[in-house]
Amino acid sequence: MDIFELIGNRLANQGFHIDRYDFNRPWGGFFVLAESQAQSFADIYFDGMDVEPLRIGGKLSPKILLVKPEARLSWQYHHRRAETWRV
């Protein structure tokens, strides 16, 4: 079982709906969870942080990124969205 399958199974066991995923990025891949589960996602992965203040434009997009060892991510700054990361 690879890491993507392992994390996908864990998310499903936690009751999350995976809206989409992509495992073919140069740096690894990601899962995008249902927006309706954003607070549940924050409860588990961000110690219960309230997601409402993050609703810029009314939309939330909970994601889990998996980065390959030695891979690099580029930093992108967005004026119209808030991001909260946990490593």
C-alpha atoms as a PDB file:
ATOM      1  CA  MET A   1       0.000   0.000   0.000  1.00  0.00           C
ATOM      2  CA  ASP A   2       1.465   3.375  -0.965  1.00  0.00           C
ATOM      3  CA  ILE A   3       1.200   6.587   1.062  1.00  0.00           C
ATOM      4  CA  PHE A   4      -1.621   8.008  -1.079  1.00  0.00           C
ATOM      5  CA  GLU A   5      -3.745   4.909  -0.529  1.00  0.00           C
ATOM      6  CA  LEU A   6      -2.914   4.927   3.186  1.00  0.00           C
ATOM      7  CA  ILE A   7      -3.948   8.586   3.621  1.00  0.00           C
ATOM      8  CA  GLY A   8      -7.043   8.119   1.427  1.00  0.00           C
ATOM      9  CA  ASN A   9      -8.151   5.208   3.620  1.00  0.00           C
ATOM     10  CA  ARG A  10      -7.498   7.205   6.781  1.00  0.00           C
ATOM     11  CA  LEU A  11      -9.587  10.122   5.518  1.00  0.00           C
ATOM     12  CA  ALA A  12     -12.428   7.768   4.554  1.00  0.00           C
ATOM     13  CA  ASN A  13     -12.285   6.079   7.978  1.00  0.00           C
ATOM     14  CA  GLN A  14     -12.551   9.531   9.573  1.00  0.00           C
ATOM     15  CA  GLY A  15     -15.754  10.084   7.582  1.00  0.00           C
ATOM     16  CA  PHE A  16     -14.388  12.577   5.064  1.00  0.00           C
ATOM     17  CA  HIS A  17     -15.636  12.744   1.481  1.00  0.00           C
ATOM     18  CA  ILE A  18     -12.801  13.213  -1.016  1.00  0.00           C
ATOM     19  CA  ASP A  19     -14.038  15.612  -3.712  1.00  0.00           C
ATOM     20  CA  ARG A  20     -10.950  15.212  -5.870  1.00  0.00           C
ATOM     21  CA  TYR A  21      -7.314  14.225  -5.782  1.00  0.00           C
ATOM     22  CA  ASP A  22      -4.180  14.434  -7.885  1.00  0.00           C
ATOM     23  CA  PHE A  23      -1.167  12.231  -7.211  1.00  0.00           C
ATOM     24  CA  ASN A  24       0.811  13.246 -10.284  1.00  0.00           C
ATOM     25  CA  ARG A  25       2.336  16.578  -9.339  1.00  0.00           C
ATOM     26  CA  PRO A  26       6.130  16.944  -9.595  1.00  0.00           C
ATOM     27  CA  TRP A  27       6.241  17.525  -5.831  1.00  0.00           C
ATOM     28  CA  GLY A  28       3.756  14.791  -4.821  1.00  0.00           C
ATOM     29  CA  GLY A  29      -0.016  15.109  -4.682  1.00  0.00           C
ATOM     30  CA  PHE A  30      -3.087  16.218  -2.760  1.00  0.00           C
ATOM     31  CA  PHE A  31      -6.603  15.410  -1.594  1.00  0.00           C
ATOM     32  CA  VAL A  32      -9.395  18.015  -1.644  1.00  0.00           C
ATOM     33  CA  LEU A  33     -12.156  17.328   0.870  1.00  0.00           C
ATOM     34  CA  ALA A  34     -15.801  18.376   0.761  1.00  0.00           C
ATOM     35  CA  GLU A  35     -16.224  22.032   1.697  1.00  0.00           C
ATOM     36  CA  SER A  36     -19.130  21.074   3.972  1.00  0.00           C
ATOM     37  CA  GLN A  37     -16.633  19.166   6.136  1.00  0.00           C
ATOM     38  CA  ALA A  38     -14.213  22.069   6.620  1.00  0.00           C
ATOM     39  CA  GLN A  39     -15.016  22.489  10.321  1.00  0.00           C
ATOM     40  CA  SER A  40     -14.676  18.739  10.962  1.00  0.00           C
ATOM     41  CA  PHE A  41     -11.332  18.840   9.142  1.00  0.00           C
ATOM     42  CA  ALA A  42     -10.187  21.768  11.324  1.00  0.00           C
ATOM     43  CA  ASP A  43     -11.417  19.998  14.462  1.00  0.00           C
ATOM     44  CA  ILE A  44      -9.170  17.020  13.728  1.00  0.00           C
ATOM     45  CA  TYR A  45      -6.132  18.581  12.049  1.00  0.00           C
ATOM     46  CA  PHE A  46      -6.089  22.140  13.456  1.00  0.00           C
ATOM     47  CA  ASP A  47      -7.078  21.594  17.103  1.00  0.00           C
ATOM     48  CA  GLY A  48     -10.656  22.801  16.614  1.00  0.00           C
ATOM     49  CA  MET A  49      -9.810  26.116  14.959  1.00  0.00           C
ATOM     50  CA  ASP A  50     -12.934  28.050  13.901  1.00  0.00           C
ATOM     51  CA  VAL A  51     -12.995  28.125  10.086  1.00  0.00           C
ATOM     52  CA  GLU A  52     -15.584  30.894   9.696  1.00  0.00           C
ATOM     53  CA  PRO A  53     -13.050  33.781   9.802  1.00  0.00           C
ATOM     54  CA  LEU A  54     -11.221  32.098   6.890  1.00  0.00           C
ATOM     55  CA  ARG A  55     -14.228  32.337   4.563  1.00  0.00           C
ATOM     56  CA  ILE A  56     -12.960  34.903   2.087  1.00  0.00           C
ATOM     57  CA  GLY A  57     -15.443  34.990  -0.753  1.00  0.00           C
ATOM     58  CA  GLY A  58     -17.595  32.464   1.097  1.00  0.00           C
ATOM     59  CA  LYS A  59     -15.615  29.382   0.041  1.00  0.00           C
ATOM     60  CA  LEU A  60     -13.376  26.961   1.910  1.00  0.00           C
ATOM     61  CA  SER A  61     -11.217  24.252   0.365  1.00  0.00           C
ATOM     62  CA  PRO A  62      -9.791  21.797   2.923  1.00  0.00           C
ATOM     63  CA  LYS A  63      -6.790  19.948   1.481  1.00  0.00           C
ATOM     64  CA  ILE A  64      -4.105  17.503   2.471  1.00  0.00           C
ATOM     65  CA  LEU A  65      -0.840  17.777   0.540  1.00  0.00           C
ATOM     66  CA  LEU A  66       1.688  14.970   0.383  1.00  0.00           C
ATOM     67  CA  VAL A  67       5.157  16.188  -0.567  1.00  0.00           C
ATOM     68  CA  LYS A  68       7.819  13.806  -1.861  1.00  0.00           C
ATOM     69  CA  PRO A  69      11.137  13.702   0.002  1.00  0.00           C
ATOM     70  CA  GLU A  70      13.542  16.302  -1.396  1.00  0.00           C
ATOM     71  CA  ALA A  71      10.753  17.882  -3.501  1.00  0.00           C
ATOM     72  CA  ARG A  72      10.233  21.642  -3.553  1.00  0.00           C
ATOM     73  CA  LEU A  73       7.079  23.720  -3.339  1.00  0.00           C
ATOM     74  CA  SER A  74       6.843  27.246  -4.672  1.00  0.00           C
ATOM     75  CA  TRP A  75       5.376  29.958  -2.468  1.00  0.00           C
ATOM     76  CA  GLN A  76       2.358  31.725  -3.945  1.00  0.00           C
ATOM     77  CA  TYR A  77       0.709  34.690  -2.283  1.00  0.00           C
ATOM     78  CA  HIS A  78      -3.007  35.285  -2.748  1.00  0.00           C
ATOM     79  CA  HIS A  79      -4.829  38.501  -1.875  1.00  0.00           C
ATOM     80  CA  ARG A  80      -8.270  36.947  -2.131  1.00  0.00           C
ATOM     81  CA  ARG A  81      -7.851  33.853  -0.045  1.00  0.00           C
ATOM     82  CA  ALA A  82      -6.599  32.923   3.377  1.00  0.00           C
ATOM     83  CA  GLU A  83      -4.447  29.863   3.967  1.00  0.00           C
ATOM     84  CA  THR A  84      -3.580  28.044   7.141  1.00  0.00           C
ATOM     85  CA  TRP A  85      -0.888  25.373   6.944  1.00  0.00           C
ATOM     86  CA  ARG A  86       0.221  22.701   9.374  1.00  0.00           C
ATOM     87  CA  VAL A  87       3.297  20.561   8.826  1.00  0.00           C
END
